[in-house]
Structures are given as C-alpha cells and as structure tokens.
Amino acid sequence: MRAPISIQKLDGFVLALASGETSVESLRAIADELAKLGPSVSGEAVKVALDCGAMTGAMQVAEVFETACYYAATLRGKVRVAVFNVPAAWTHQQLGEDAVVNRGLSLKIVVNVHQAKAWLLGSR
C-alpha cells in the first residue's frame, strides 16, 4: 500500500502531512515511510511533526493498540514524533500515545504545529 503522506523538510524537523482513511493498513504505511527518514547521520532520531488533520474515520480499541505496537517496533530510535491535528473521531488517542511511549517510542500528541515544533526542538 502506498502511504497517504507527503513529507517536507523544514528547519530542524520534518513536517509530514497524512491524509486518507484511517485504518491499520494506512497507519502502518505511514510508519513505514517515517522509518525511512531516520536515524540521522549522527545517529539521532529524526524529529517529525505529523499532521493528521486530513485523515478521516476511526479505529476500534484493539486496532489502535495493534497500530501503536507496530509504530513503537518500527520507529523506536529512528524518529521522534509529535502528532497534531488529530481528528475528533480518534477517541482512543490517549491509549495509542501511552502504548507507544511505554514501548520506547518518543511520541507526543499535541494540538497544533507550534506545540509540535516546541516539543520536538525543546529539550527532552
């Protein structure tokens, strides 16, 4: 599956714009594309602001957990992700964030690109 994502390199971080229907398959494809970005030449995780505002639909709790586990396994140590513009239909977003963080992925859900940039470029 081709990932429904476009990537733009900005000063200090990467802006990734996701679109399309929310599904386990589409979110896995996005993770696979993000994994190609990192780690950087210096070995540091690439900082990614992931805009999900153009995504539609939602997933069940089990699908959210499955996807979170995939994200952690695929992206851990490669990228640091700030997710923003989360669709209102994503009612289990806190479960997803907790699951990836508990599995070692540096990820935070924030409200907008300004918060994403501040978190990504700030100190851990």
Protein backbone atom coordinates (compact mmCIF):
# COMPACT_ATOMS: atom_id res chain seq x y z
CA MET A 1 0.00 0.00 0.00
CA ARG A 2 1.26 3.47 -0.89
CA ALA A 3 1.40 5.63 2.21
CA PRO A 4 -1.05 8.57 2.19
CA ILE A 5 1.67 11.00 3.28
CA SER A 6 3.73 13.90 1.95
CA ILE A 7 6.97 14.96 3.57
CA GLN A 8 8.58 18.39 3.73
CA LYS A 9 11.94 19.09 5.37
CA LEU A 10 11.92 22.26 7.45
CA ASP A 11 14.50 23.90 9.70
CA GLY A 12 15.23 21.38 12.45
CA PHE A 13 12.37 18.96 11.79
CA VAL A 14 10.32 17.21 9.14
CA LEU A 15 6.66 18.05 8.51
CA ALA A 16 4.66 15.01 7.41
CA LEU A 17 1.11 15.51 6.14
CA ALA A 18 -1.07 12.39 6.36
CA SER A 19 -4.36 12.01 4.52
CA GLY A 20 -6.95 9.41 3.63
CA GLU A 21 -8.98 6.87 5.54
CA THR A 22 -7.79 5.84 8.99
CA SER A 23 -7.04 2.12 9.08
CA VAL A 24 -4.42 -0.23 10.45
CA GLU A 25 -3.03 -0.60 6.93
CA SER A 26 -2.84 3.14 6.17
CA LEU A 27 -1.23 3.96 9.52
CA ARG A 28 1.30 1.13 9.08
CA ALA A 29 2.17 2.51 5.65
CA ILE A 30 2.75 5.92 7.23
CA ALA A 31 5.01 4.36 9.88
CA ASP A 32 6.99 2.58 7.17
CA GLU A 33 7.54 5.88 5.33
CA LEU A 34 8.58 7.67 8.53
CA ALA A 35 11.04 4.87 9.34
CA LYS A 36 12.88 5.65 6.09
CA LEU A 37 13.72 9.12 7.48
CA GLY A 38 15.87 8.06 10.40
CA PRO A 39 18.02 7.86 12.24
CA SER A 40 20.09 10.85 11.13
CA VAL A 41 23.72 10.57 10.02
CA SER A 42 24.76 11.46 13.58
CA GLY A 43 22.64 8.61 14.91
CA GLU A 44 19.97 10.83 16.46
CA ALA A 45 16.27 10.28 15.93
CA VAL A 46 14.82 12.47 13.18
CA LYS A 47 12.23 14.92 14.53
CA VAL A 48 8.86 14.59 12.78
CA ALA A 49 5.71 16.71 13.14
CA LEU A 50 2.89 14.50 11.84
CA ASP A 51 -0.24 16.40 10.77
CA CYS A 52 -3.26 14.06 10.76
CA GLY A 53 -5.88 16.74 10.07
CA ALA A 54 -6.73 15.40 6.61
CA MET A 55 -7.38 11.84 7.83
CA THR A 56 -10.93 10.54 8.16
CA GLY A 57 -12.55 7.73 10.08
CA ALA A 58 -11.53 5.97 13.27
CA MET A 59 -10.41 2.61 14.58
CA GLN A 60 -11.57 0.26 17.33
CA VAL A 61 -9.58 -0.02 20.56
CA ALA A 62 -7.85 -3.26 19.53
CA GLU A 63 -6.80 -1.70 16.20
CA VAL A 64 -5.38 1.35 17.99
CA PHE A 65 -3.34 -0.89 20.29
CA GLU A 66 -2.12 -3.05 17.38
CA THR A 67 -1.08 0.05 15.43
CA ALA A 68 0.65 1.57 18.46
CA CYS A 69 2.70 -1.60 18.95
CA TYR A 70 3.68 -1.50 15.26
CA TYR A 71 4.70 2.16 15.49
CA ALA A 72 6.90 1.51 18.52
CA ALA A 73 8.59 -1.50 16.94
CA THR A 74 9.08 0.23 13.58
CA LEU A 75 10.06 3.74 14.67
CA ARG A 76 11.81 3.39 18.05
CA GLY A 77 15.24 5.04 17.87
CA LYS A 78 14.67 6.28 14.30
CA VAL A 79 12.25 9.17 14.72
CA ARG A 80 10.77 11.36 17.45
CA VAL A 81 7.15 12.14 16.55
CA ALA A 82 4.78 14.94 17.55
CA VAL A 83 1.28 14.18 16.25
CA PHE A 84 -1.13 17.11 15.79
CA ASN A 85 -4.49 17.99 14.22
CA VAL A 86 -5.83 14.67 15.46
CA PRO A 87 -9.33 14.05 14.06
CA ALA A 88 -12.16 14.22 16.60
CA ALA A 89 -13.15 10.67 15.62
CA TRP A 90 -9.88 9.36 17.08
CA THR A 91 -11.38 8.76 20.52
CA HIS A 92 -8.70 6.32 21.71
CA GLN A 93 -5.71 8.59 21.06
CA GLN A 94 -4.51 8.56 24.68
CA LEU A 95 -4.36 4.74 24.63
CA GLY A 96 -2.26 4.91 21.46
CA GLU A 97 0.10 7.50 22.91
CA ASP A 98 0.52 5.56 26.16
CA ALA A 99 1.14 2.29 24.32
CA VAL A 100 3.90 3.67 22.08
CA VAL A 101 5.59 5.58 24.88
CA ASN A 102 5.51 2.51 27.14
CA ARG A 103 7.24 0.60 24.33
CA GLY A 104 10.05 3.14 23.99
CA LEU A 105 8.96 5.41 21.15
CA SER A 106 9.36 9.13 21.74
CA LEU A 107 5.90 10.37 20.68
CA LYS A 108 3.54 13.06 21.93
CA ILE A 109 0.09 14.13 20.80
CA VAL A 110 -0.23 17.91 20.74
CA VAL A 111 -2.81 20.41 19.49
CA ASN A 112 -1.01 22.23 16.67
CA VAL A 113 2.21 22.58 14.68
CA HIS A 114 3.53 25.25 17.06
CA GLN A 115 3.32 22.87 20.01
CA ALA A 116 4.78 20.09 17.86
CA LYS A 117 7.76 22.23 16.91
CA ALA A 118 8.31 23.36 20.52
CA TRP A 119 8.25 19.78 21.80
CA LEU A 120 10.46 18.43 19.01
CA LEU A 121 13.08 21.17 19.22
CA GLY A 122 12.96 21.59 23.01
CA SER A 123 14.85 19.51 25.48
CA ARG A 124 13.52 16.10 26.42
